[in-house]
Amino acid sequence: MAREPLKVLTESMFYVLLSLLRQERCGTEIVRYVDDATAGRVPWGQGRCTRSLAKFQEEGLIREAAVEGRKRTYAITERGRPCSGRSSPACASAWPMASGRSWRRSGCCRG
């Protein structure tokens, strides 16, 4: 059965992509980033992270950058850059203000 393509990003999904904008990270580092960035407000455990990373890879939003044993490190792709490629601090800081909503990947932060 074919999987449904990703049409919207939840707030937690956005933070996963945001965590990869400036550096490559493994799953544990991504979970820690989301927890720190949201002060624990957005629940994001290892299992949920693993499923989302697989979906993001399938969609071409991220790629595996390195594999060391069981540790996999991920990098964001150009397609995965949020805010229509405009990953400025102002754009990133606007997203937490809209907590609890879903956003269309193609329509965020367009001026």
Protein backbone atom coordinates (compact mmCIF):
# COMPACT_ATOMS: atom_id res chain seq x y z
CA MET A 1 0.00 0.00 0.00
CA ALA A 2 1.43 3.40 -1.03
CA ARG A 3 2.13 5.88 1.70
CA GLU A 4 0.42 9.27 1.68
CA PRO A 5 2.80 12.09 0.70
CA LEU A 6 3.59 14.71 3.34
CA LYS A 7 1.29 17.71 2.85
CA VAL A 8 1.65 19.69 6.06
CA LEU A 9 4.27 20.18 8.74
CA THR A 10 3.24 20.09 12.36
CA GLU A 11 5.10 22.31 14.80
CA SER A 12 7.16 19.36 16.00
CA MET A 13 8.08 18.39 12.42
CA PHE A 14 9.18 21.96 11.77
CA TYR A 15 11.51 21.85 14.78
CA VAL A 16 13.09 18.64 13.47
CA LEU A 17 13.91 20.37 10.18
CA LEU A 18 15.01 23.51 12.02
CA SER A 19 17.44 21.44 14.08
CA LEU A 20 19.24 20.44 10.88
CA LEU A 21 19.58 23.89 9.32
CA ARG A 22 22.96 24.74 10.81
CA GLN A 23 24.48 21.32 11.46
CA GLU A 24 24.08 17.63 10.89
CA ARG A 25 22.62 15.75 13.88
CA CYS A 26 21.80 12.23 14.98
CA GLY A 27 18.34 11.29 16.28
CA THR A 28 19.28 11.77 19.95
CA GLU A 29 20.64 15.25 19.20
CA ILE A 30 17.45 16.12 17.31
CA VAL A 31 15.27 15.02 20.25
CA ARG A 32 17.42 17.11 22.60
CA TYR A 33 17.22 20.13 20.25
CA VAL A 34 13.42 19.99 20.03
CA ASP A 35 13.15 19.66 23.81
CA ASP A 36 15.54 22.58 24.42
CA ALA A 37 14.05 24.83 21.71
CA THR A 38 10.52 24.38 23.02
CA ALA A 39 11.39 24.17 26.74
CA GLY A 40 9.72 20.74 26.78
CA ARG A 41 6.41 22.08 25.44
CA VAL A 42 6.55 19.90 22.30
CA PRO A 43 6.75 16.22 23.27
CA TRP A 44 9.21 14.47 20.97
CA GLY A 45 10.52 11.03 21.88
CA GLN A 46 13.02 8.78 20.14
CA GLY A 47 10.37 6.50 18.56
CA ARG A 48 8.42 9.38 17.09
CA CYS A 49 11.64 10.96 15.89
CA THR A 50 12.72 7.75 14.12
CA ARG A 51 9.39 7.48 12.27
CA SER A 52 9.49 11.15 11.22
CA LEU A 53 13.09 10.90 10.03
CA ALA A 54 12.15 7.92 7.85
CA LYS A 55 9.22 9.89 6.38
CA PHE A 56 11.41 12.97 5.79
CA GLN A 57 13.98 10.79 4.00
CA GLU A 58 11.26 9.23 1.86
CA GLU A 59 10.07 12.74 0.92
CA GLY A 60 13.62 13.93 0.14
CA LEU A 61 13.59 16.55 2.89
CA ILE A 62 16.62 15.09 4.68
CA ARG A 63 19.37 12.60 3.87
CA GLU A 64 21.65 10.34 5.84
CA ALA A 65 24.99 12.12 6.13
CA ALA A 66 26.89 9.42 8.04
CA VAL A 67 26.42 6.00 9.61
CA GLU A 68 28.61 4.78 12.46
CA GLY A 69 27.33 1.45 13.73
CA ARG A 70 23.75 2.13 14.82
CA LYS A 71 24.23 5.91 14.94
CA ARG A 72 22.86 7.70 11.90
CA THR A 73 23.53 11.37 11.29
CA TYR A 74 21.14 13.41 9.14
CA ALA A 75 21.44 16.55 7.03
CA ILE A 76 18.69 18.71 5.57
CA THR A 77 18.36 18.90 1.79
CA GLU A 78 17.50 22.02 -0.21
CA ARG A 79 13.99 20.62 -0.59
CA GLY A 80 13.71 20.29 3.17
CA ARG A 81 14.64 23.85 4.04
CA PRO A 82 11.60 25.41 5.74
CA CYS A 83 10.18 28.82 4.98
CA SER A 84 10.46 28.42 1.20
CA GLY A 85 14.27 28.46 1.44
CA ARG A 86 14.36 31.60 3.58
CA SER A 87 15.81 30.22 6.80
CA SER A 88 16.42 33.52 8.55
CA PRO A 89 16.30 33.92 12.35
CA ALA A 90 13.21 36.14 11.97
CA CYS A 91 11.39 33.43 10.04
CA ALA A 92 12.38 30.73 12.52
CA SER A 93 11.29 32.81 15.52
CA ALA A 94 7.84 33.37 13.99
CA TRP A 95 6.95 29.67 14.00
CA PRO A 96 6.78 29.07 17.77
CA MET A 97 4.21 31.87 18.05
CA ALA A 98 1.78 29.76 16.01
CA SER A 99 1.99 26.69 18.26
CA GLY A 100 -0.63 24.01 18.01
CA ARG A 101 -1.27 24.51 14.30
CA SER A 102 -0.15 22.77 11.14
CA TRP A 103 1.50 24.65 8.32
CA ARG A 104 1.59 24.04 4.63
CA ARG A 105 5.20 23.41 3.68
CA SER A 106 5.00 25.50 0.53
CA GLY A 107 3.34 28.52 2.07
CA CYS A 108 5.32 29.48 5.14
CA CYS A 109 6.95 32.87 5.54
CA ARG A 110 6.19 34.17 2.10
CA GLY A 111 6.43 37.90 1.95
